[in-house]
Protein backbone atom coordinates (compact mmCIF):
# COMPACT_ATOMS: atom_id res chain seq x y z
CA MET A 1 101.06 83.16 100.05
CA THR A 2 104.35 84.59 101.32
CA PRO A 3 105.40 88.11 100.25
CA LEU A 4 108.08 86.68 97.97
CA ALA A 5 105.63 84.25 96.41
CA SER A 6 103.25 87.15 95.88
CA ASP A 7 106.00 89.15 94.17
CA ARG A 8 106.81 86.22 91.92
CA ALA A 9 103.16 85.87 90.94
CA ARG A 10 103.01 89.59 90.12
CA TYR A 11 106.13 89.49 87.98
CA ASP A 12 104.97 86.36 86.16
CA ARG A 13 101.57 87.93 85.41
CA ALA A 14 103.11 91.21 84.32
CA THR A 15 105.51 89.55 81.87
CA ALA A 16 103.35 86.67 80.68
CA HIS A 17 103.22 88.21 77.20
CA LEU A 18 107.02 88.60 77.00
CA ASP A 19 109.76 86.13 76.20
CA ALA A 20 112.66 85.66 78.61
CA PRO A 21 115.52 86.41 79.02
CA LEU A 22 114.35 89.84 80.14
CA ALA A 23 114.97 92.45 82.81
CA VAL A 24 112.43 94.30 84.93
CA VAL A 25 112.31 97.11 87.46
CA ASP A 26 109.56 97.12 90.08
CA LEU A 27 108.69 100.82 90.24
CA ASP A 28 106.98 100.55 93.62
CA ALA A 29 110.20 99.16 95.10
CA PHE A 30 112.35 101.65 93.15
CA ASP A 31 110.35 104.62 94.47
CA ALA A 32 110.33 103.25 98.04
CA ASN A 33 114.11 102.88 97.91
CA ALA A 34 114.41 106.46 96.63
CA ASP A 35 112.29 107.70 99.53
CA ASP A 36 114.48 105.83 102.01
CA LEU A 37 117.66 107.35 100.58
CA VAL A 38 116.16 110.82 100.95
CA ARG A 39 115.14 110.07 104.52
CA ARG A 40 118.64 108.93 105.41
CA ALA A 41 120.23 111.95 103.69
CA GLY A 42 118.53 114.21 106.22
CA GLY A 43 117.91 117.14 103.90
CA LYS A 44 121.15 117.06 101.92
CA PRO A 45 120.70 116.55 98.17
CA ILE A 46 121.57 113.18 96.65
CA ARG A 47 123.62 113.10 93.48
CA VAL A 48 122.62 109.98 91.53
CA ALA A 49 125.39 107.61 90.44
CA SER A 50 124.52 106.86 86.81
CA LYS A 51 126.76 103.78 86.86
CA SER A 52 124.26 102.15 89.20
CA VAL A 53 121.21 102.89 87.01
CA ARG A 54 122.32 102.98 83.33
CA CYS A 55 118.90 103.90 82.04
CA ARG A 56 118.06 107.48 81.06
CA ALA A 57 114.34 107.10 81.76
CA LEU A 58 114.98 105.99 85.33
CA LEU A 59 117.60 108.70 85.87
CA GLU A 60 114.98 111.23 84.80
CA ARG A 61 112.40 109.60 87.09
CA VAL A 62 114.53 109.78 90.21
CA LEU A 63 115.82 113.29 89.51
CA ALA A 64 112.23 114.49 89.27
CA ARG A 65 111.77 113.54 92.95
CA ASP A 66 112.46 115.94 95.82
CA GLY A 67 115.81 115.29 97.47
CA PHE A 68 117.78 114.39 94.32
CA ALA A 69 119.97 116.78 92.33
CA GLY A 70 122.61 116.09 89.69
CA LEU A 71 124.34 113.03 88.30
CA MET A 72 127.64 111.33 89.02
CA SER A 73 128.85 109.73 85.78
CA PHE A 74 131.55 107.15 85.12
CA THR A 75 133.16 108.08 81.77
CA LEU A 76 133.69 111.37 79.95
CA PRO A 77 131.86 110.27 76.75
CA GLU A 78 128.91 109.26 78.94
CA SER A 79 129.04 112.67 80.63
CA LEU A 80 128.89 114.48 77.29
CA TRP A 81 126.05 112.26 76.07
CA LEU A 82 124.03 112.93 79.22
CA ALA A 83 124.67 116.67 78.99
CA ARG A 84 123.52 116.70 75.37
CA ALA A 85 120.39 114.83 76.48
CA GLY A 86 119.49 117.66 78.85
CA PHE A 87 121.09 116.71 82.18
CA ASP A 88 122.67 119.98 83.27
CA ASP A 89 124.76 118.92 86.28
CA VAL A 90 127.05 115.96 85.62
CA LEU A 91 130.03 115.19 87.84
CA LEU A 92 132.50 112.75 86.30
CA ALA A 93 133.58 110.51 89.18
CA TYR A 94 136.82 109.23 87.63
CA PRO A 95 139.74 110.86 85.80
CA SER A 96 139.69 110.42 82.02
CA ALA A 97 142.37 110.14 79.36
CA ASP A 98 139.91 110.54 76.46
CA ARG A 99 141.51 113.30 74.39
CA SER A 100 138.77 113.55 71.78
CA ALA A 101 136.11 113.87 74.48
CA TYR A 102 138.12 116.62 76.19
CA ALA A 103 138.34 118.43 72.86
CA GLU A 104 134.54 118.26 72.56
CA LEU A 105 134.12 119.52 76.11
CA ALA A 106 136.46 122.46 75.62
CA ALA A 107 134.77 123.49 72.37
CA ASP A 108 131.13 123.52 73.51
CA PRO A 109 129.85 126.06 76.06
CA LYS A 110 126.76 123.97 76.91
CA LEU A 111 128.87 120.89 77.67
CA ALA A 112 131.52 122.86 79.55
CA GLY A 113 128.83 124.42 81.74
CA ALA A 114 127.16 121.10 82.56
CA VAL A 115 130.08 118.73 83.09
CA THR A 116 132.63 118.72 85.91
CA VAL A 117 135.72 116.53 85.49
CA MET A 118 137.74 114.75 88.17
CA VAL A 119 141.47 115.31 88.75
CA ASP A 120 143.94 114.21 91.39
CA ASP A 121 147.23 114.92 89.58
CA PRO A 122 148.64 117.96 87.72
CA ALA A 123 149.48 115.62 84.83
CA GLN A 124 145.75 115.27 84.20
CA LEU A 125 145.51 119.03 83.74
CA ASP A 126 148.39 118.82 81.24
CA LEU A 127 146.53 116.13 79.32
CA ILE A 128 143.35 118.22 79.19
CA ASP A 129 145.27 121.28 77.95
CA ALA A 130 147.01 119.21 75.27
CA ALA A 131 143.66 117.81 74.14
CA ARG A 132 141.83 121.15 73.86
CA ASP A 133 142.63 121.61 70.17
CA ARG A 134 141.14 125.04 69.52
CA GLY A 135 138.54 124.80 72.27
CA ARG A 136 138.79 127.58 74.83
CA GLU A 137 135.87 126.90 77.19
CA GLU A 138 136.64 126.94 80.90
CA ILE A 139 136.78 123.39 82.31
CA ARG A 140 135.04 122.76 85.62
CA VAL A 141 137.24 120.69 87.95
CA CYS A 142 136.65 118.56 91.05
CA LEU A 143 139.43 117.20 93.27
CA GLU A 144 139.25 113.72 94.75
CA LEU A 145 140.25 112.96 98.34
CA ASP A 146 141.67 109.58 99.32
CA THR A 147 139.31 108.33 102.02
CA SER A 148 141.09 105.11 102.96
CA LEU A 149 141.77 104.25 106.59
CA ARG A 150 145.48 103.95 107.44
CA MET A 151 146.52 102.09 110.57
CA PHE A 152 149.73 101.05 112.31
CA GLY A 153 151.75 103.92 110.91
CA GLY A 154 150.38 103.43 107.40
CA ARG A 155 151.41 99.80 107.17
CA VAL A 156 147.76 98.74 106.91
CA ARG A 157 145.42 100.38 104.40
CA ILE A 158 141.67 99.73 104.23
CA GLY A 159 139.86 101.23 101.27
CA ALA A 160 140.04 101.52 97.51
CA LEU A 161 143.21 102.55 95.71
CA ARG A 162 141.92 105.75 94.18
CA SER A 163 143.29 109.25 94.64
CA PRO A 164 146.89 109.92 95.81
CA LEU A 165 145.65 113.06 97.58
CA ARG A 166 145.21 112.43 101.27
CA GLU A 167 146.36 115.31 103.43
CA PRO A 168 144.98 118.87 103.49
CA ALA A 169 148.25 120.32 102.22
CA GLN A 170 148.25 118.01 99.19
CA LEU A 171 144.76 119.01 98.14
CA ALA A 172 145.41 122.69 98.79
CA GLU A 173 148.51 122.53 96.59
CA LEU A 174 146.59 120.98 93.69
CA ALA A 175 143.83 123.53 94.27
CA ARG A 176 146.43 126.27 93.86
CA SER A 177 147.65 124.62 90.63
CA VAL A 178 144.12 124.73 89.26
CA ALA A 179 143.60 128.32 90.38
CA ARG A 180 146.84 129.46 88.72
CA ARG A 181 146.06 127.72 85.46
CA PRO A 182 144.04 129.58 82.80
CA GLY A 183 141.07 127.68 81.42
CA PHE A 184 140.16 125.79 84.60
CA ARG A 185 137.86 126.50 87.53
CA LEU A 186 137.84 124.49 90.75
CA VAL A 187 134.21 123.89 91.76
CA GLY A 188 134.12 120.73 93.86
CA LEU A 189 135.69 118.18 96.15
CA MET A 190 134.76 114.50 96.29
CA GLY A 191 135.60 111.59 98.58
CA TYR A 192 134.10 108.13 98.18
CA GLU A 193 134.41 106.01 101.32
CA GLY A 194 133.82 102.65 99.64
CA HIS A 195 135.06 100.66 102.65
CA VAL A 196 132.07 102.09 104.55
CA ALA A 197 129.51 102.74 101.83
CA GLY A 198 130.08 99.54 99.87
CA VAL A 199 130.85 96.91 102.51
CA GLY A 200 127.97 95.33 104.41
CA ASP A 201 128.37 95.14 108.18
CA ALA A 202 125.98 92.23 108.80
CA VAL A 203 127.46 89.27 106.95
CA ALA A 204 125.15 86.27 107.10
CA ASP A 205 126.35 83.57 109.53
CA ARG A 206 129.59 85.49 110.23
CA PRO A 207 129.02 87.33 113.54
CA LEU A 208 132.70 87.86 114.34
CA ARG A 209 133.48 89.17 110.88
CA SER A 210 130.44 91.43 111.05
CA ARG A 211 131.58 92.87 114.37
CA ALA A 212 135.08 93.43 112.99
CA ILE A 213 133.62 95.30 110.00
CA ARG A 214 131.49 97.49 112.26
CA LEU A 215 134.49 98.36 114.42
CA MET A 216 136.59 99.16 111.33
CA GLN A 217 133.84 101.31 109.85
CA ALA A 218 133.28 103.22 113.06
CA ALA A 219 137.00 104.03 113.20
CA ALA A 220 137.03 104.92 109.51
CA ARG A 221 134.06 107.27 109.81
CA LYS A 222 135.59 109.10 112.77
CA GLU A 223 139.00 109.48 111.14
CA LEU A 224 137.57 110.57 107.80
CA ALA A 225 135.13 113.10 109.24
CA GLY A 226 137.96 114.93 110.98
CA ARG A 227 140.33 114.78 108.03
CA ARG A 228 137.69 115.72 105.47
CA ALA A 229 136.74 118.80 107.48
CA GLU A 230 140.40 119.88 107.53
CA VAL A 231 140.73 119.26 103.78
CA VAL A 232 137.62 121.29 103.02
CA ARG A 233 138.92 124.21 105.09
CA ALA A 234 142.27 124.06 103.30
CA VAL A 235 140.73 123.90 99.83
CA ARG A 236 138.16 126.64 100.55
CA ALA A 237 141.01 128.90 101.62
CA VAL A 238 142.27 128.61 98.04
CA ALA A 239 138.88 128.38 96.30
CA PRO A 240 136.26 130.15 98.44
CA GLY A 241 133.71 129.70 95.66
CA LEU A 242 133.73 125.92 95.95
CA GLU A 243 130.23 124.80 94.91
CA PHE A 244 129.99 121.35 96.46
CA VAL A 245 131.65 118.74 98.66
CA ASN A 246 130.45 115.28 97.70
CA GLY A 247 130.73 112.16 99.83
CA GLY A 248 129.10 108.92 100.76
CA GLY A 249 127.43 106.09 98.92
CA THR A 250 124.36 103.94 99.45
CA GLY A 251 125.72 102.20 102.52
CA SER A 252 126.86 105.33 104.35
CA VAL A 253 124.27 107.96 103.42
CA GLN A 254 123.17 108.86 106.94
CA HIS A 255 126.70 108.87 108.36
CA THR A 256 128.20 111.05 105.63
CA ALA A 257 125.22 113.40 105.69
CA ALA A 258 125.97 114.07 109.36
CA GLU A 259 129.32 115.69 108.45
CA ASP A 260 129.00 119.47 108.34
CA ALA A 261 131.74 119.68 105.70
CA VAL A 262 129.76 117.58 103.20
CA THR A 263 127.15 119.41 101.11
CA GLU A 264 125.77 116.54 99.02
CA ILE A 265 125.62 112.74 99.04
CA ALA A 266 126.30 110.29 96.21
CA ALA A 267 124.11 107.20 95.89
CA GLY A 268 122.68 104.97 93.21
CA SER A 269 122.85 101.26 93.99
CA GLY A 270 120.23 101.63 96.70
CA LEU A 271 117.63 102.40 94.03
CA TYR A 272 117.89 98.89 92.58
CA GLN A 273 119.00 97.17 95.82
CA PRO A 274 121.26 94.46 94.36
CA ARG A 275 122.29 91.53 96.51
CA LEU A 276 125.59 93.07 97.70
CA PHE A 277 123.55 95.68 99.58
CA ASP A 278 121.53 93.22 101.64
CA ASN A 279 123.98 92.95 104.53
CA TYR A 280 123.64 96.29 106.30
CA THR A 281 122.36 97.03 109.79
CA ALA A 282 121.51 100.67 109.04
CA PHE A 283 118.96 100.16 106.28
CA SER A 284 117.01 97.56 104.36
CA GLY A 285 116.02 98.18 100.75
CA ARG A 286 113.55 96.39 98.49
CA PRO A 287 114.91 94.43 95.51
CA ALA A 288 113.75 96.48 92.53
CA ALA A 289 115.81 95.28 89.56
CA LEU A 290 115.56 91.63 88.49
CA PHE A 291 116.31 89.60 85.42
CA GLY A 292 114.38 86.53 84.33
CA GLN A 293 115.75 83.45 82.58
CA PRO A 294 113.51 80.81 80.95
CA VAL A 295 113.46 77.17 82.00
CA VAL A 296 114.56 75.17 78.94
CA ARG A 297 115.45 71.74 80.42
CA ARG A 298 114.49 69.41 83.24
CA PRO A 299 117.52 67.08 83.52
CA GLY A 300 116.12 65.12 86.49
CA VAL A 301 114.37 65.27 89.83
CA GLY A 302 115.15 68.47 91.68
CA VAL A 303 116.94 70.06 88.69
CA VAL A 304 116.01 72.57 86.01
CA THR A 305 118.18 74.36 83.50
CA VAL A 306 117.64 77.95 82.46
CA LEU A 307 119.01 79.64 79.38
CA GLY A 308 122.04 81.86 80.09
CA GLY A 309 122.46 83.61 83.41
CA GLY A 310 126.24 83.80 83.75
CA TYR A 311 126.46 87.48 84.60
CA PRO A 312 129.16 87.91 87.28
CA ALA A 313 129.78 91.34 88.75
CA SER A 314 133.08 93.23 88.73
CA GLY A 315 135.45 93.20 91.69
CA ALA A 316 137.53 90.52 93.40
CA ALA A 317 136.24 87.17 92.10
CA GLY A 318 134.16 85.17 94.58
CA PRO A 319 130.71 83.71 95.19
CA ASP A 320 129.39 87.11 96.30
CA ARG A 321 129.94 88.43 92.76
CA LEU A 322 127.46 85.97 91.22
CA PRO A 323 123.78 86.63 90.58
CA VAL A 324 121.52 84.80 93.00
CA PRO A 325 118.42 82.76 92.06
CA TYR A 326 115.67 84.69 93.81
CA LEU A 327 112.21 83.52 92.75
CA PRO A 328 110.89 80.94 93.24
CA GLU A 329 112.59 80.52 96.60
CA GLY A 330 114.72 77.48 97.27
CA LEU A 331 116.90 77.25 94.15
CA ARG A 332 120.69 77.10 94.17
CA TYR A 333 123.54 76.62 91.73
CA ASP A 334 125.19 73.32 90.95
CA GLY A 335 128.62 73.66 92.55
CA GLN A 336 130.27 71.96 89.58
CA GLU A 337 128.85 74.40 87.03
CA GLY A 338 127.60 77.62 88.58
CA PRO A 339 125.93 80.21 86.35
CA GLY A 340 126.94 79.63 82.73
CA GLU A 341 127.15 81.76 79.63
CA VAL A 342 124.54 79.74 77.73
CA GLN A 343 122.91 77.56 80.37
CA THR A 344 122.62 77.39 84.14
CA PRO A 345 121.47 74.28 86.04
CA LEU A 346 119.56 75.04 89.24
CA LEU A 347 119.00 72.60 92.08
CA GLY A 348 116.38 72.40 94.82
CA SER A 349 112.93 71.09 95.54
CA ALA A 350 111.39 74.20 93.92
CA ALA A 351 112.72 72.92 90.58
CA ASP A 352 110.11 70.16 90.54
CA ASP A 353 107.30 72.73 90.35
CA LEU A 354 108.79 74.51 87.34
CA LEU A 355 107.72 73.74 83.78
CA ILE A 356 109.50 74.29 80.49
CA GLY A 357 108.98 77.96 79.61
CA ASP A 358 108.57 79.17 83.19
CA THR A 359 110.70 82.08 84.35
CA VAL A 360 113.27 82.01 87.16
CA TRP A 361 113.98 85.47 88.56
CA PHE A 362 117.52 86.47 89.58
CA ARG A 363 119.09 89.37 91.42
CA HIS A 364 122.41 90.71 90.17
CA ALA A 365 125.24 91.18 92.67
CA LYS A 366 125.66 94.83 91.63
CA ALA A 367 123.20 97.40 90.38
CA GLY A 368 123.78 98.90 86.95
CA GLU A 369 125.95 96.10 85.60
CA MET A 370 122.79 94.09 84.92
CA CYS A 371 121.89 96.69 82.29
CA GLU A 372 124.96 95.81 80.23
CA ARG A 373 123.24 92.48 79.50
CA PHE A 374 119.83 93.77 78.44
CA ALA A 375 118.69 96.29 75.86
CA ALA A 376 115.48 97.18 77.70
CA LEU A 377 113.93 97.33 81.14
CA HIS A 378 110.26 96.46 81.56
CA LEU A 379 108.82 98.73 84.25
CA ILE A 380 106.28 97.00 86.47
CA GLU A 381 103.58 98.68 88.54
CA GLY A 382 101.46 96.22 90.49
CA ASP A 383 101.04 93.27 88.15
CA ARG A 384 101.35 95.17 84.86
CA VAL A 385 104.20 96.32 82.65
CA THR A 386 103.41 100.01 82.22
CA ALA A 387 106.43 100.97 80.11
CA THR A 388 109.45 99.48 78.39
CA VAL A 389 112.50 101.73 78.30
CA PRO A 390 115.98 101.30 76.82
CA THR A 391 119.08 100.78 78.90
CA TYR A 392 122.33 102.44 77.89
CA ARG A 393 123.02 99.29 75.85
CA GLY A 394 119.60 99.57 74.23
CA GLU A 395 120.51 103.08 73.09
CA GLY A 396 123.74 101.75 71.58
CA ARG A 397 125.87 103.21 74.37
CA THR A 398 128.49 100.92 75.89
CA PHE A 399 130.89 103.25 77.65
CA LEU A 400 133.18 100.67 79.26
């Protein structure tokens, strides 16, 4: 029996008493992936990206391990919810315009002490002040650095369109604005190099493209390391009490950790190891999060149909954003239909060995987005489900 066939047998045995559709997390794989992230971080703490996990029980599990400290959240209401649940170090990774949530933050000393908000524009400070109502708690602030690579005099940009703050002088000026403004305290600096951390450099059957990506990423890492160090010096000159400088992502942990200016690393997707993180030369994770769909039809030879399964990931639309049939091996989508909202035909010789009621296991393209489709995760150890825990959705929390 191949390792993948063995995994399928384990998952089928563990969930034999459950009805699909369902979602599982293999805790042995999850923990192994956590250990690998810590190894690559080289002693720097890892701040866990909640967006990539979306399950409080698993956030608690990973934060209980050595090498992990703090959360990186994705909305302000989520940040407040997590802080109320006992997470005491929550960095909001994106600016917010949620006035009612800012009013809650400014009125509650526990929340204000636990949550750090992201800004990259003085107008965001104005919005927070206008939203305070009668709340007078000091708001912890982090500035975001634009990490994109600019080439050919700025005519070519590689990287996400995020912060407008790029040069040391720009960040120092906003740091001064925060320092001059009552009710705010600058505590952190963040830069997410998604074009390095989130783009695989070993694209299957595309050697030239893979080489081009590696060359781009090498240039991007070198340019960013120098510029980030200058930015940190400029910001620390204004705010010597800066508590953290956050950088990285699953795909760039070891590279970002090597920068002296960076004090902590952000990562999350590597815990689940979704399919978009398969194509890296620097590391290889174990698929930990899967969802299973039941076989409900056998339309003909070499074809089965499962219920549901149309769960595309966010980002630029393309085949790489689709879930992939994983177990049993040898299944593929029908090119005329693809994964559908209510049914998904699957082709391949493996279909002939599947019976009505059997489970086909899929991997999502991204990590936490799978949890928006399921209310619970069944946690598997060996060939047993040892716990069933709610996702954010299962707790009635849909933040975006």
